[in-house]
Amino acid sequence: DVAATLVPDFATARVHWQFVVSGTPTADCGAAGVDTVRVQVFDGAGNVERGATFACTDGIGVIPLLSTGAHRFVADAFDGQQNRVFQERTGNPRGVSANLALGPNDVAVALEP
């Protein structure tokens, strides 16, 4: 018998979101008036690598099959009418920077009105 340990050959981002409501961070989608969260992932060269839209109540969005290394995560939150009500305002260009390793990686975004 041969035992093998499989190692992932890609990175996965687990994106966690919060909303700044009246200066206070909250994960409460109802209080923030958010239905969906859209996340775009850019590679180190600024090219779109992947994107996904999640139900806000999921509380976390998993984006698989990403390359390793430097990335930028840009998130926007939408109400039930698809109006953007919150956005990631960090950085220039905007987005949260993360250096992804093989396997799961946690990325936190704070969205503002």
N, C-alpha and C. Protein backbone atom coordinates (compact mmCIF):
# COMPACT_ATOMS: atom_id res chain seq x y z
N ASP A 1 0.84 -1.19 0.00
CA ASP A 1 0.00 0.00 0.00
C ASP A 1 0.88 1.24 0.00
N VAL A 2 0.40 2.25 -0.71
CA VAL A 2 1.10 3.54 -0.77
C VAL A 2 0.17 4.60 -0.21
N ALA A 3 0.67 5.36 0.74
CA ALA A 3 -0.10 6.46 1.30
C ALA A 3 0.35 7.75 0.64
N ALA A 4 -0.58 8.55 0.23
CA ALA A 4 -0.26 9.82 -0.42
C ALA A 4 -0.99 10.95 0.29
N THR A 5 -0.30 12.04 0.43
CA THR A 5 -0.91 13.25 0.97
C THR A 5 -1.10 14.21 -0.18
N LEU A 6 -2.34 14.57 -0.43
CA LEU A 6 -2.62 15.49 -1.53
C LEU A 6 -2.56 16.92 -1.03
N VAL A 7 -1.82 17.73 -1.75
CA VAL A 7 -1.68 19.14 -1.43
C VAL A 7 -2.36 19.94 -2.54
N PRO A 8 -3.19 20.91 -2.18
CA PRO A 8 -3.85 21.69 -3.23
C PRO A 8 -2.82 22.43 -4.08
N ASP A 9 -3.11 22.56 -5.37
CA ASP A 9 -2.19 23.29 -6.24
C ASP A 9 -2.78 24.65 -6.62
N PHE A 10 -3.70 25.14 -5.79
CA PHE A 10 -4.29 26.45 -6.01
C PHE A 10 -4.65 27.05 -4.65
N ALA A 11 -4.95 28.32 -4.68
CA ALA A 11 -5.38 29.03 -3.47
C ALA A 11 -6.90 29.17 -3.49
N THR A 12 -7.48 29.21 -2.31
CA THR A 12 -8.90 29.49 -2.14
C THR A 12 -9.03 30.67 -1.19
N ALA A 13 -9.87 31.63 -1.55
CA ALA A 13 -10.11 32.78 -0.67
C ALA A 13 -11.46 32.63 0.01
N ARG A 14 -11.44 32.74 1.33
CA ARG A 14 -12.69 32.79 2.12
C ARG A 14 -12.88 34.26 2.50
N VAL A 15 -13.78 34.92 1.79
CA VAL A 15 -13.98 36.36 1.97
C VAL A 15 -15.08 36.60 3.00
N HIS A 16 -14.72 37.32 4.06
CA HIS A 16 -15.65 37.69 5.14
C HIS A 16 -15.97 39.17 4.98
N TRP A 17 -17.22 39.56 5.17
CA TRP A 17 -17.56 40.97 5.00
C TRP A 17 -18.27 41.54 6.22
N GLN A 18 -18.05 42.85 6.38
CA GLN A 18 -18.75 43.66 7.38
C GLN A 18 -19.11 44.97 6.72
N PHE A 19 -20.12 45.65 7.28
CA PHE A 19 -20.59 46.92 6.77
C PHE A 19 -20.44 47.97 7.86
N VAL A 20 -19.99 49.16 7.49
CA VAL A 20 -19.86 50.24 8.44
C VAL A 20 -21.17 51.04 8.40
N VAL A 21 -21.98 50.88 9.46
CA VAL A 21 -23.28 51.54 9.55
C VAL A 21 -23.20 52.55 10.69
N SER A 22 -23.35 53.83 10.37
CA SER A 22 -23.25 54.91 11.37
C SER A 22 -21.95 54.81 12.15
N GLY A 23 -20.87 54.48 11.45
CA GLY A 23 -19.55 54.42 12.06
C GLY A 23 -19.23 53.14 12.80
N THR A 24 -20.17 52.20 12.84
CA THR A 24 -19.97 50.96 13.58
C THR A 24 -19.99 49.76 12.63
N PRO A 25 -18.95 48.92 12.65
CA PRO A 25 -18.94 47.72 11.80
C PRO A 25 -20.00 46.71 12.25
N THR A 26 -20.70 46.12 11.29
CA THR A 26 -21.69 45.09 11.59
C THR A 26 -21.70 44.06 10.46
N ALA A 27 -22.04 42.83 10.81
CA ALA A 27 -22.22 41.78 9.81
C ALA A 27 -23.71 41.55 9.57
N ASP A 28 -24.56 42.37 10.18
CA ASP A 28 -26.02 42.22 10.08
C ASP A 28 -26.50 42.76 8.74
N CYS A 29 -26.82 41.86 7.82
CA CYS A 29 -27.24 42.24 6.47
C CYS A 29 -28.54 43.04 6.50
N GLY A 30 -29.47 42.66 7.38
CA GLY A 30 -30.74 43.37 7.48
C GLY A 30 -30.56 44.80 7.92
N ALA A 31 -29.73 45.02 8.95
CA ALA A 31 -29.48 46.37 9.45
C ALA A 31 -28.78 47.22 8.39
N ALA A 32 -27.96 46.57 7.56
CA ALA A 32 -27.23 47.29 6.51
C ALA A 32 -28.07 47.45 5.24
N GLY A 33 -29.18 46.70 5.13
CA GLY A 33 -30.01 46.77 3.94
C GLY A 33 -29.36 46.12 2.72
N VAL A 34 -28.58 45.06 2.96
CA VAL A 34 -27.83 44.40 1.89
C VAL A 34 -28.40 43.02 1.60
N ASP A 35 -28.57 42.72 0.30
CA ASP A 35 -29.02 41.39 -0.13
C ASP A 35 -27.89 40.55 -0.70
N THR A 36 -27.02 41.17 -1.51
CA THR A 36 -25.93 40.42 -2.16
C THR A 36 -24.61 41.17 -2.04
N VAL A 37 -23.53 40.39 -2.07
CA VAL A 37 -22.17 40.94 -2.05
C VAL A 37 -21.44 40.40 -3.28
N ARG A 38 -20.87 41.30 -4.07
CA ARG A 38 -20.10 40.91 -5.25
C ARG A 38 -18.62 41.16 -4.97
N VAL A 39 -17.81 40.15 -5.26
CA VAL A 39 -16.36 40.25 -5.02
C VAL A 39 -15.63 39.98 -6.33
N GLN A 40 -14.74 40.89 -6.69
CA GLN A 40 -13.86 40.72 -7.84
C GLN A 40 -12.45 40.52 -7.31
N VAL A 41 -11.73 39.55 -7.88
CA VAL A 41 -10.37 39.26 -7.46
C VAL A 41 -9.42 39.60 -8.61
N PHE A 42 -8.45 40.46 -8.33
CA PHE A 42 -7.45 40.86 -9.31
C PHE A 42 -6.11 40.26 -8.93
N ASP A 43 -5.37 39.79 -9.92
CA ASP A 43 -4.03 39.25 -9.65
C ASP A 43 -3.04 40.38 -9.43
N GLY A 44 -1.79 40.03 -9.19
CA GLY A 44 -0.76 41.02 -8.90
C GLY A 44 -0.51 42.00 -10.03
N ALA A 45 -0.86 41.64 -11.26
CA ALA A 45 -0.68 42.53 -12.42
C ALA A 45 -1.92 43.40 -12.66
N GLY A 46 -2.95 43.23 -11.82
CA GLY A 46 -4.16 44.04 -11.97
C GLY A 46 -5.20 43.46 -12.90
N ASN A 47 -5.01 42.22 -13.33
CA ASN A 47 -5.98 41.56 -14.20
C ASN A 47 -7.04 40.84 -13.37
N VAL A 48 -8.29 40.85 -13.85
CA VAL A 48 -9.35 40.11 -13.16
C VAL A 48 -9.04 38.63 -13.25
N GLU A 49 -8.97 37.98 -12.08
CA GLU A 49 -8.72 36.54 -12.05
C GLU A 49 -10.02 35.76 -11.89
N ARG A 50 -10.86 36.20 -10.97
CA ARG A 50 -12.17 35.55 -10.77
C ARG A 50 -13.09 36.56 -10.09
N GLY A 51 -14.35 36.24 -10.09
CA GLY A 51 -15.33 37.04 -9.40
C GLY A 51 -16.51 36.17 -9.03
N ALA A 52 -17.28 36.62 -8.07
CA ALA A 52 -18.45 35.86 -7.64
C ALA A 52 -19.40 36.78 -6.89
N THR A 53 -20.67 36.39 -6.88
CA THR A 53 -21.70 37.11 -6.12
C THR A 53 -22.29 36.13 -5.11
N PHE A 54 -22.47 36.63 -3.88
CA PHE A 54 -22.94 35.79 -2.79
C PHE A 54 -24.16 36.41 -2.12
N ALA A 55 -25.01 35.58 -1.55
CA ALA A 55 -26.09 36.07 -0.69
C ALA A 55 -25.43 36.65 0.56
N CYS A 56 -25.84 37.84 0.93
CA CYS A 56 -25.23 38.48 2.10
C CYS A 56 -25.34 37.61 3.34
N THR A 57 -26.48 36.95 3.50
CA THR A 57 -26.71 36.14 4.70
C THR A 57 -25.78 34.94 4.80
N ASP A 58 -25.06 34.61 3.71
CA ASP A 58 -24.05 33.55 3.79
C ASP A 58 -22.95 33.94 4.76
N GLY A 59 -22.67 35.25 4.87
CA GLY A 59 -21.67 35.75 5.79
C GLY A 59 -20.24 35.56 5.35
N ILE A 60 -20.04 34.70 4.38
CA ILE A 60 -18.71 34.41 3.86
C ILE A 60 -18.88 33.91 2.42
N GLY A 61 -17.94 34.28 1.58
CA GLY A 61 -17.96 33.79 0.20
C GLY A 61 -16.66 33.09 -0.11
N VAL A 62 -16.74 31.91 -0.69
CA VAL A 62 -15.54 31.13 -1.00
C VAL A 62 -15.28 31.23 -2.51
N ILE A 63 -14.08 31.68 -2.84
CA ILE A 63 -13.66 31.79 -4.24
C ILE A 63 -12.47 30.86 -4.44
N PRO A 64 -12.68 29.75 -5.17
CA PRO A 64 -11.61 28.77 -5.37
C PRO A 64 -10.79 29.04 -6.63
N LEU A 65 -9.80 28.19 -6.83
CA LEU A 65 -9.01 28.15 -8.07
C LEU A 65 -8.29 29.45 -8.38
N LEU A 66 -7.71 30.06 -7.35
CA LEU A 66 -6.93 31.27 -7.53
C LEU A 66 -5.44 30.93 -7.54
N SER A 67 -4.68 31.74 -8.24
CA SER A 67 -3.23 31.57 -8.21
C SER A 67 -2.69 32.04 -6.86
N THR A 68 -1.48 31.68 -6.55
CA THR A 68 -0.85 32.15 -5.31
C THR A 68 -0.21 33.51 -5.56
N GLY A 69 0.16 34.19 -4.48
CA GLY A 69 0.83 35.47 -4.60
C GLY A 69 -0.09 36.65 -4.34
N ALA A 70 0.35 37.81 -4.79
CA ALA A 70 -0.35 39.07 -4.51
C ALA A 70 -1.68 39.15 -5.26
N HIS A 71 -2.70 39.59 -4.54
CA HIS A 71 -4.04 39.78 -5.10
C HIS A 71 -4.68 41.02 -4.47
N ARG A 72 -5.72 41.50 -5.14
CA ARG A 72 -6.52 42.61 -4.63
C ARG A 72 -7.99 42.18 -4.72
N PHE A 73 -8.73 42.38 -3.62
CA PHE A 73 -10.13 41.99 -3.54
C PHE A 73 -10.98 43.25 -3.47
N VAL A 74 -11.90 43.40 -4.42
CA VAL A 74 -12.79 44.55 -4.46
C VAL A 74 -14.21 44.04 -4.25
N ALA A 75 -14.87 44.56 -3.22
CA ALA A 75 -16.22 44.10 -2.89
C ALA A 75 -17.21 45.25 -2.96
N ASP A 76 -18.41 44.92 -3.41
CA ASP A 76 -19.53 45.86 -3.45
C ASP A 76 -20.75 45.13 -2.90
N ALA A 77 -21.62 45.87 -2.20
CA ALA A 77 -22.83 45.27 -1.64
C ALA A 77 -24.06 45.95 -2.24
N PHE A 78 -25.08 45.13 -2.52
CA PHE A 78 -26.27 45.61 -3.22
C PHE A 78 -27.53 45.30 -2.42
N ASP A 79 -28.51 46.21 -2.52
CA ASP A 79 -29.80 45.97 -1.89
C ASP A 79 -30.66 45.09 -2.80
N GLY A 80 -31.91 44.87 -2.43
CA GLY A 80 -32.80 44.00 -3.19
C GLY A 80 -33.16 44.53 -4.57
N GLN A 81 -32.92 45.83 -4.82
CA GLN A 81 -33.19 46.42 -6.13
C GLN A 81 -31.91 46.49 -6.98
N GLN A 82 -30.84 45.89 -6.49
CA GLN A 82 -29.52 45.87 -7.15
C GLN A 82 -28.87 47.25 -7.20
N ASN A 83 -29.21 48.11 -6.23
CA ASN A 83 -28.52 49.38 -6.06
C ASN A 83 -27.30 49.14 -5.18
N ARG A 84 -26.14 49.66 -5.59
CA ARG A 84 -24.96 49.51 -4.74
C ARG A 84 -25.13 50.40 -3.52
N VAL A 85 -25.09 49.81 -2.33
CA VAL A 85 -25.30 50.55 -1.09
C VAL A 85 -24.04 50.62 -0.23
N PHE A 86 -23.07 49.73 -0.47
CA PHE A 86 -21.79 49.75 0.23
C PHE A 86 -20.71 49.34 -0.75
N GLN A 87 -19.48 49.82 -0.49
CA GLN A 87 -18.36 49.42 -1.32
C GLN A 87 -17.07 49.42 -0.51
N GLU A 88 -16.11 48.65 -0.99
CA GLU A 88 -14.78 48.63 -0.39
C GLU A 88 -14.09 49.91 -0.85
N ARG A 89 -13.61 50.72 0.09
CA ARG A 89 -12.98 52.00 -0.26
C ARG A 89 -11.48 52.03 0.04
N THR A 90 -10.94 50.91 0.49
CA THR A 90 -9.53 50.85 0.87
C THR A 90 -8.64 50.89 -0.36
N GLY A 91 -7.51 51.58 -0.26
CA GLY A 91 -6.48 51.52 -1.29
C GLY A 91 -6.74 52.38 -2.52
N ASN A 92 -5.70 52.48 -3.33
CA ASN A 92 -5.79 53.18 -4.61
C ASN A 92 -4.88 52.45 -5.58
N PRO A 93 -5.37 51.64 -6.52
CA PRO A 93 -6.81 51.42 -6.75
C PRO A 93 -7.45 50.71 -5.57
N ARG A 94 -8.77 50.87 -5.49
CA ARG A 94 -9.47 50.36 -4.31
C ARG A 94 -9.41 48.84 -4.23
N GLY A 95 -9.48 48.34 -3.01
CA GLY A 95 -9.46 46.91 -2.78
C GLY A 95 -8.54 46.53 -1.64
N VAL A 96 -8.82 45.38 -1.05
CA VAL A 96 -8.01 44.84 0.04
C VAL A 96 -6.91 43.97 -0.57
N SER A 97 -5.68 44.22 -0.18
CA SER A 97 -4.56 43.43 -0.68
C SER A 97 -4.37 42.18 0.18
N ALA A 98 -4.05 41.07 -0.49
CA ALA A 98 -3.78 39.83 0.22
C ALA A 98 -2.77 39.03 -0.57
N ASN A 99 -1.86 38.39 0.14
CA ASN A 99 -0.87 37.51 -0.47
C ASN A 99 -1.34 36.08 -0.23
N LEU A 100 -1.87 35.44 -1.27
CA LEU A 100 -2.48 34.12 -1.12
C LEU A 100 -1.45 33.00 -1.19
N ALA A 101 -1.62 32.03 -0.29
CA ALA A 101 -0.79 30.82 -0.28
C ALA A 101 -1.65 29.65 -0.79
N LEU A 102 -1.01 28.53 -1.06
CA LEU A 102 -1.77 27.35 -1.46
C LEU A 102 -2.77 26.98 -0.37
N GLY A 103 -3.95 26.52 -0.76
CA GLY A 103 -4.97 26.14 0.20
C GLY A 103 -5.84 27.31 0.59
N PRO A 104 -6.54 27.20 1.73
CA PRO A 104 -7.48 28.24 2.15
C PRO A 104 -6.79 29.47 2.71
N ASN A 105 -7.35 30.63 2.40
CA ASN A 105 -6.86 31.93 2.88
C ASN A 105 -8.07 32.76 3.30
N ASP A 106 -7.99 33.41 4.46
CA ASP A 106 -9.07 34.28 4.92
C ASP A 106 -8.78 35.72 4.50
N VAL A 107 -9.79 36.38 3.95
CA VAL A 107 -9.68 37.77 3.53
C VAL A 107 -10.88 38.52 4.10
N ALA A 108 -10.64 39.59 4.84
CA ALA A 108 -11.71 40.38 5.45
C ALA A 108 -11.86 41.70 4.71
N VAL A 109 -13.11 42.05 4.39
CA VAL A 109 -13.38 43.33 3.76
C VAL A 109 -14.39 44.10 4.61
N ALA A 110 -14.17 45.40 4.72
CA ALA A 110 -15.10 46.29 5.43
C ALA A 110 -15.66 47.24 4.38
N LEU A 111 -16.96 47.18 4.19
CA LEU A 111 -17.60 47.99 3.16
C LEU A 111 -18.25 49.20 3.79
N GLU A 112 -18.13 50.34 3.11
CA GLU A 112 -18.66 51.61 3.59
C GLU A 112 -19.72 52.13 2.62
N PRO A 113 -20.62 52.99 3.13
CA PRO A 113 -21.65 53.56 2.25
C PRO A 113 -21.02 54.43 1.15
